[in-house]
């Protein structure tokens, strides 16, 4: 599952002519950001949908969450790519370094999305 995502990401980066740390490191960061934001966006929705289905109610997906998801994808990817261009990730080799970069990006994006969701909920109330 990770390999197709990484190869697509590397191809996108080549088309956009983005040369930061390493191709694999940059691809891992972008894939991690994508996974982190989508996890934070979809897991609560799926949990709530399951609960409401059991209760016989219908759930709708609020448009503000689509906006926060898109904003998180753009913001987290941009800031993560800026950080890796500054700290210059060394050559990513081996399972441990690949896992470290990917997990750090997932956690960062998950937190970024959580923060935007809290701000959106605070503004709405």
C-alpha atoms as a PDB file:
ATOM      1  CA  UNK A   1       0.000   0.000   0.000  1.00  0.00           C
ATOM      2  CA  UNK A   2       2.769   2.447   0.894  1.00  0.00           C
ATOM      3  CA  UNK A   3       4.869   1.739  -2.214  1.00  0.00           C
ATOM      4  CA  UNK A   4       2.276   2.948  -4.788  1.00  0.00           C
ATOM      5  CA  UNK A   5       1.618   6.079  -2.709  1.00  0.00           C
ATOM      6  CA  UNK A   6       5.338   6.800  -2.523  1.00  0.00           C
ATOM      7  CA  UNK A   7       5.929   6.250  -6.226  1.00  0.00           C
ATOM      8  CA  UNK A   8       3.006   8.507  -7.165  1.00  0.00           C
ATOM      9  CA  UNK A   9       4.255  11.163  -4.739  1.00  0.00           C
ATOM     10  CA  UNK A  10       7.795  10.993  -6.122  1.00  0.00           C
ATOM     11  CA  UNK A  11       6.429  11.363  -9.673  1.00  0.00           C
ATOM     12  CA  UNK A  12       4.352  14.390  -8.627  1.00  0.00           C
ATOM     13  CA  UNK A  13       7.416  15.946  -7.016  1.00  0.00           C
ATOM     14  CA  UNK A  14       9.434  15.370 -10.195  1.00  0.00           C
ATOM     15  CA  UNK A  15       6.735  16.997 -12.309  1.00  0.00           C
ATOM     16  CA  UNK A  16       6.616  19.957  -9.910  1.00  0.00           C
ATOM     17  CA  UNK A  17      10.440  20.019  -9.870  1.00  0.00           C
ATOM     18  CA  UNK A  18      10.600  19.938  -6.084  1.00  0.00           C
ATOM     19  CA  UNK A  19      14.093  19.033  -4.957  1.00  0.00           C
ATOM     20  CA  UNK A  20      14.413  19.005  -1.216  1.00  0.00           C
ATOM     21  CA  UNK A  21      16.133  16.510   1.044  1.00  0.00           C
ATOM     22  CA  UNK A  22      15.814  13.254  -0.894  1.00  0.00           C
ATOM     23  CA  UNK A  23      13.105  11.968  -3.159  1.00  0.00           C
ATOM     24  CA  UNK A  24      12.184   9.193  -0.767  1.00  0.00           C
ATOM     25  CA  UNK A  25      12.313  11.472   2.286  1.00  0.00           C
ATOM     26  CA  UNK A  26      10.110  14.078   0.654  1.00  0.00           C
ATOM     27  CA  UNK A  27       7.722  11.424  -0.613  1.00  0.00           C
ATOM     28  CA  UNK A  28       7.517   9.907   2.865  1.00  0.00           C
ATOM     29  CA  UNK A  29       6.677  13.281   4.367  1.00  0.00           C
ATOM     30  CA  UNK A  30       3.933  13.968   1.829  1.00  0.00           C
ATOM     31  CA  UNK A  31       2.503  10.456   2.170  1.00  0.00           C
ATOM     32  CA  UNK A  32       2.632  10.755   5.966  1.00  0.00           C
ATOM     33  CA  UNK A  33       0.851  14.113   5.882  1.00  0.00           C
ATOM     34  CA  UNK A  34      -1.838  12.670   3.636  1.00  0.00           C
ATOM     35  CA  UNK A  35      -2.357   9.644   5.886  1.00  0.00           C
ATOM     36  CA  UNK A  36      -2.335  11.736   9.083  1.00  0.00           C
ATOM     37  CA  UNK A  37      -4.886  14.272   7.862  1.00  0.00           C
ATOM     38  CA  UNK A  38      -7.168  11.621   6.397  1.00  0.00           C
ATOM     39  CA  UNK A  39      -6.992   9.516   9.564  1.00  0.00           C
ATOM     40  CA  UNK A  40      -7.937  12.504  11.698  1.00  0.00           C
ATOM     41  CA  UNK A  41     -10.729  13.465   9.333  1.00  0.00           C
ATOM     42  CA  UNK A  42     -12.273  10.082   8.602  1.00  0.00           C
ATOM     43  CA  UNK A  43     -11.964   8.113  11.848  1.00  0.00           C
ATOM     44  CA  UNK A  44     -14.266  10.355  13.947  1.00  0.00           C
ATOM     45  CA  UNK A  45     -16.745  10.543  11.081  1.00  0.00           C
ATOM     46  CA  UNK A  46     -16.836   6.758  10.657  1.00  0.00           C
ATOM     47  CA  UNK A  47     -17.221   6.269  14.415  1.00  0.00           C
ATOM     48  CA  UNK A  48     -20.108   8.748  14.580  1.00  0.00           C
ATOM     49  CA  UNK A  49     -21.719   7.238  11.473  1.00  0.00           C
ATOM     50  CA  UNK A  50     -21.582   3.791  13.052  1.00  0.00           C
ATOM     51  CA  UNK A  51     -23.125   5.063  16.292  1.00  0.00           C
ATOM     52  CA  UNK A  52     -25.895   6.922  14.484  1.00  0.00           C
ATOM     53  CA  UNK A  53     -26.593   3.944  12.199  1.00  0.00           C
ATOM     54  CA  UNK A  54     -27.094   1.762  15.267  1.00  0.00           C
ATOM     55  CA  UNK A  55     -29.472   4.388  16.642  1.00  0.00           C
ATOM     56  CA  UNK A  56     -31.357   4.472  13.320  1.00  0.00           C
ATOM     57  CA  UNK A  57     -30.380   8.059  12.510  1.00  0.00           C
ATOM     58  CA  UNK A  58     -28.761   9.574   9.468  1.00  0.00           C
ATOM     59  CA  UNK A  59     -25.485  11.507   9.607  1.00  0.00           C
ATOM     60  CA  UNK A  60     -24.293  14.220   7.274  1.00  0.00           C
ATOM     61  CA  UNK A  61     -20.747  15.393   6.714  1.00  0.00           C
ATOM     62  CA  UNK A  62     -20.453  19.099   7.603  1.00  0.00           C
ATOM     63  CA  UNK A  63     -18.861  21.230   4.858  1.00  0.00           C
ATOM     64  CA  UNK A  64     -16.619  22.955   7.420  1.00  0.00           C
ATOM     65  CA  UNK A  65     -14.777  19.665   7.885  1.00  0.00           C
ATOM     66  CA  UNK A  66     -14.064  19.415   4.165  1.00  0.00           C
ATOM     67  CA  UNK A  67     -12.594  22.914   4.354  1.00  0.00           C
ATOM     68  CA  UNK A  68     -10.471  22.078   7.399  1.00  0.00           C
ATOM     69  CA  UNK A  69      -9.291  18.862   5.750  1.00  0.00           C
ATOM     70  CA  UNK A  70      -8.175  20.684   2.607  1.00  0.00           C
ATOM     71  CA  UNK A  71      -6.596  23.475   4.645  1.00  0.00           C
ATOM     72  CA  UNK A  72      -4.785  20.903   6.767  1.00  0.00           C
ATOM     73  CA  UNK A  73      -3.496  19.018   3.733  1.00  0.00           C
ATOM     74  CA  UNK A  74      -2.109  22.194   2.211  1.00  0.00           C
ATOM     75  CA  UNK A  75      -0.825  23.718   5.446  1.00  0.00           C
ATOM     76  CA  UNK A  76       0.727  20.577   6.890  1.00  0.00           C
ATOM     77  CA  UNK A  77       2.352  19.600   3.597  1.00  0.00           C
ATOM     78  CA  UNK A  78       3.740  23.098   3.055  1.00  0.00           C
ATOM     79  CA  UNK A  79       5.147  23.475   6.563  1.00  0.00           C
ATOM     80  CA  UNK A  80       6.515  19.929   6.666  1.00  0.00           C
ATOM     81  CA  UNK A  81       8.269  20.419   3.321  1.00  0.00           C
ATOM     82  CA  UNK A  82       9.711  23.719   4.543  1.00  0.00           C
ATOM     83  CA  UNK A  83      11.038  22.053   7.670  1.00  0.00           C
ATOM     84  CA  UNK A  84      12.694  19.206   5.792  1.00  0.00           C
ATOM     85  CA  UNK A  85      14.286  21.667   3.392  1.00  0.00           C
ATOM     86  CA  UNK A  86      15.784  23.528   6.368  1.00  0.00           C
ATOM     87  CA  UNK A  87      16.972  20.546   8.412  1.00  0.00           C
ATOM     88  CA  UNK A  88      18.099  18.612   5.329  1.00  0.00           C
ATOM     89  CA  UNK A  89      17.091  15.040   6.083  1.00  0.00           C
ATOM     90  CA  UNK A  90      20.001  12.712   5.458  1.00  0.00           C
ATOM     91  CA  UNK A  91      19.630   9.874   2.958  1.00  0.00           C
ATOM     92  CA  UNK A  92      16.649   7.800   4.059  1.00  0.00           C
ATOM     93  CA  UNK A  93      17.740   4.192   4.079  1.00  0.00           C
ATOM     94  CA  UNK A  94      16.577   1.200   6.019  1.00  0.00           C
ATOM     95  CA  UNK A  95      13.275   0.366   7.622  1.00  0.00           C
ATOM     96  CA  UNK A  96      13.947   2.275  10.834  1.00  0.00           C
ATOM     97  CA  UNK A  97      14.675   5.630   9.179  1.00  0.00           C
ATOM     98  CA  UNK A  98      11.813   5.220   6.710  1.00  0.00           C
ATOM     99  CA  UNK A  99       9.403   4.424   9.542  1.00  0.00           C
ATOM    100  CA  UNK A 100      10.701   7.346  11.620  1.00  0.00           C
ATOM    101  CA  UNK A 101      10.168   9.926   8.873  1.00  0.00           C
ATOM    102  CA  UNK A 102       6.755   8.543   7.913  1.00  0.00           C
ATOM    103  CA  UNK A 103       5.466   8.283  11.495  1.00  0.00           C
ATOM    104  CA  UNK A 104       6.697  11.782  12.348  1.00  0.00           C
ATOM    105  CA  UNK A 105       4.808  13.168   9.342  1.00  0.00           C
ATOM    106  CA  UNK A 106       1.632  11.242  10.250  1.00  0.00           C
ATOM    107  CA  UNK A 107       1.713  12.499  13.844  1.00  0.00           C
ATOM    108  CA  UNK A 108       2.434  16.074  12.741  1.00  0.00           C
ATOM    109  CA  UNK A 109      -0.438  16.099  10.230  1.00  0.00           C
ATOM    110  CA  UNK A 110      -2.812  14.434  12.718  1.00  0.00           C
ATOM    111  CA  UNK A 111      -2.040  17.176  15.263  1.00  0.00           C
ATOM    112  CA  UNK A 112      -2.339  19.901  12.605  1.00  0.00           C
ATOM    113  CA  UNK A 113      -5.791  18.624  11.607  1.00  0.00           C
ATOM    114  CA  UNK A 114      -6.865  18.297  15.254  1.00  0.00           C
ATOM    115  CA  UNK A 115      -5.915  21.906  15.907  1.00  0.00           C
ATOM    116  CA  UNK A 116      -7.888  23.158  12.913  1.00  0.00           C
ATOM    117  CA  UNK A 117     -10.919  21.073  13.941  1.00  0.00           C
ATOM    118  CA  UNK A 118     -10.847  22.598  17.431  1.00  0.00           C
ATOM    119  CA  UNK A 119     -10.604  26.103  15.953  1.00  0.00           C
ATOM    120  CA  UNK A 120     -13.514  25.372  13.575  1.00  0.00           C
ATOM    121  CA  UNK A 121     -15.668  24.031  16.419  1.00  0.00           C
ATOM    122  CA  UNK A 122     -14.793  26.989  18.650  1.00  0.00           C
ATOM    123  CA  UNK A 123     -15.695  29.507  15.935  1.00  0.00           C
ATOM    124  CA  UNK A 124     -18.992  27.697  15.270  1.00  0.00           C
ATOM    125  CA  UNK A 125     -20.136  27.882  18.885  1.00  0.00           C
END
